[in-house]
Amino acid sequence: MLSVGENTGDLASSFREVSKIYHTALLEHLDMLTTVGTAIAMGTTFAMVIVLGLSVITSVLKMTSSMQI
């Protein structure tokens, strides 16, 4: 694309076109990275909440089973 711009003597518009192409590609990659990062963060948070909840429940169950009435 730059070669064509150089041959026609219109490098400025060729650089603008190349810039638009790379800008669009960069936005797509950042969008994907943000989506994946968000999914990983939510999954990790969910797993930590589950582990914390299970540890509280098992602690309560162990404590109540050891109590003598």
C-alpha atoms as a PDB file:
ATOM      1  CA  MET A   1       0.000   0.000   0.000  1.00  0.00           C
ATOM      2  CA  LEU A   2       2.841   2.354   0.798  1.00  0.00           C
ATOM      3  CA  SER A   3       4.535   1.408  -2.443  1.00  0.00           C
ATOM      4  CA  VAL A   4       1.448   2.458  -4.383  1.00  0.00           C
ATOM      5  CA  GLY A   5       1.317   5.722  -2.453  1.00  0.00           C
ATOM      6  CA  GLU A   6       4.968   6.306  -3.170  1.00  0.00           C
ATOM      7  CA  ASN A   7       4.495   5.619  -6.883  1.00  0.00           C
ATOM      8  CA  THR A   8       1.507   7.957  -7.121  1.00  0.00           C
ATOM      9  CA  GLY A   9       3.132  10.638  -4.989  1.00  0.00           C
ATOM     10  CA  ASP A  10       0.415  10.529  -2.317  1.00  0.00           C
ATOM     11  CA  LEU A  11       2.186   9.118   0.722  1.00  0.00           C
ATOM     12  CA  ALA A  12       0.024  10.973   3.247  1.00  0.00           C
ATOM     13  CA  SER A  13      -3.195   9.190   2.314  1.00  0.00           C
ATOM     14  CA  SER A  14      -1.353   5.845   2.137  1.00  0.00           C
ATOM     15  CA  PHE A  15      -0.043   6.357   5.673  1.00  0.00           C
ATOM     16  CA  ARG A  16      -3.571   7.244   6.816  1.00  0.00           C
ATOM     17  CA  GLU A  17      -4.950   4.044   5.310  1.00  0.00           C
ATOM     18  CA  VAL A  18      -2.225   1.910   6.877  1.00  0.00           C
ATOM     19  CA  SER A  19      -2.830   3.659  10.188  1.00  0.00           C
ATOM     20  CA  LYS A  20      -6.574   2.915  10.008  1.00  0.00           C
ATOM     21  CA  ILE A  21      -5.908  -0.758   9.259  1.00  0.00           C
ATOM     22  CA  TYR A  22      -3.505  -1.159  12.190  1.00  0.00           C
ATOM     23  CA  HIS A  23      -5.766   0.852  14.483  1.00  0.00           C
ATOM     24  CA  THR A  24      -8.718  -1.410  13.684  1.00  0.00           C
ATOM     25  CA  ALA A  25      -6.614  -4.542  14.216  1.00  0.00           C
ATOM     26  CA  LEU A  26      -5.317  -3.188  17.527  1.00  0.00           C
ATOM     27  CA  LEU A  27      -8.841  -2.402  18.746  1.00  0.00           C
ATOM     28  CA  GLU A  28      -9.996  -5.924  17.856  1.00  0.00           C
ATOM     29  CA  HIS A  29      -7.096  -7.475  19.759  1.00  0.00           C
ATOM     30  CA  LEU A  30      -7.657  -5.251  22.783  1.00  0.00           C
ATOM     31  CA  ASP A  31     -11.356  -6.104  22.735  1.00  0.00           C
ATOM     32  CA  MET A  32     -10.561  -9.821  22.753  1.00  0.00           C
ATOM     33  CA  LEU A  33      -7.959  -9.402  25.499  1.00  0.00           C
ATOM     34  CA  THR A  34     -10.385  -7.425  27.644  1.00  0.00           C
ATOM     35  CA  THR A  35     -13.100 -10.036  27.178  1.00  0.00           C
ATOM     36  CA  VAL A  36     -10.779 -12.915  28.070  1.00  0.00           C
ATOM     37  CA  GLY A  37      -9.306 -11.032  31.025  1.00  0.00           C
ATOM     38  CA  THR A  38     -12.756 -10.234  32.373  1.00  0.00           C
ATOM     39  CA  ALA A  39     -13.862 -13.842  32.033  1.00  0.00           C
ATOM     40  CA  ILE A  40     -10.766 -15.091  33.847  1.00  0.00           C
ATOM     41  CA  ALA A  41     -11.201 -12.542  36.644  1.00  0.00           C
ATOM     42  CA  MET A  42     -14.879 -13.434  37.096  1.00  0.00           C
ATOM     43  CA  GLY A  43     -14.099 -17.159  37.091  1.00  0.00           C
ATOM     44  CA  THR A  44     -11.360 -16.722  39.662  1.00  0.00           C
ATOM     45  CA  THR A  45     -13.619 -14.614  41.874  1.00  0.00           C
ATOM     46  CA  PHE A  46     -16.419 -17.175  41.603  1.00  0.00           C
ATOM     47  CA  ALA A  47     -14.041 -20.001  42.533  1.00  0.00           C
ATOM     48  CA  MET A  48     -12.727 -18.089  45.542  1.00  0.00           C
ATOM     49  CA  VAL A  49     -16.261 -17.372  46.787  1.00  0.00           C
ATOM     50  CA  ILE A  50     -17.178 -21.056  46.414  1.00  0.00           C
ATOM     51  CA  VAL A  51     -14.073 -22.153  48.342  1.00  0.00           C
ATOM     52  CA  LEU A  52     -14.748 -19.611  51.079  1.00  0.00           C
ATOM     53  CA  GLY A  53     -18.396 -20.660  51.345  1.00  0.00           C
ATOM     54  CA  LEU A  54     -17.516 -24.346  51.504  1.00  0.00           C
ATOM     55  CA  SER A  55     -14.907 -23.731  54.189  1.00  0.00           C
ATOM     56  CA  VAL A  56     -17.430 -21.829  56.328  1.00  0.00           C
ATOM     57  CA  ILE A  57     -20.075 -24.523  55.867  1.00  0.00           C
ATOM     58  CA  THR A  58     -17.690 -27.379  56.684  1.00  0.00           C
ATOM     59  CA  SER A  59     -16.405 -25.517  59.757  1.00  0.00           C
ATOM     60  CA  VAL A  60     -19.946 -25.023  61.034  1.00  0.00           C
ATOM     61  CA  LEU A  61     -20.855 -28.650  60.359  1.00  0.00           C
ATOM     62  CA  LYS A  62     -17.739 -29.923  62.142  1.00  0.00           C
ATOM     63  CA  MET A  63     -18.436 -27.674  65.096  1.00  0.00           C
ATOM     64  CA  THR A  64     -22.070 -28.752  65.408  1.00  0.00           C
ATOM     65  CA  SER A  65     -21.188 -32.439  65.075  1.00  0.00           C
ATOM     66  CA  SER A  66     -18.629 -32.159  67.872  1.00  0.00           C
ATOM     67  CA  MET A  67     -21.112 -30.510  70.245  1.00  0.00           C
ATOM     68  CA  GLN A  68     -22.782 -32.812  72.755  1.00  0.00           C
ATOM     69  CA  ILE A  69     -26.357 -32.130  73.606  1.00  0.00           C
END
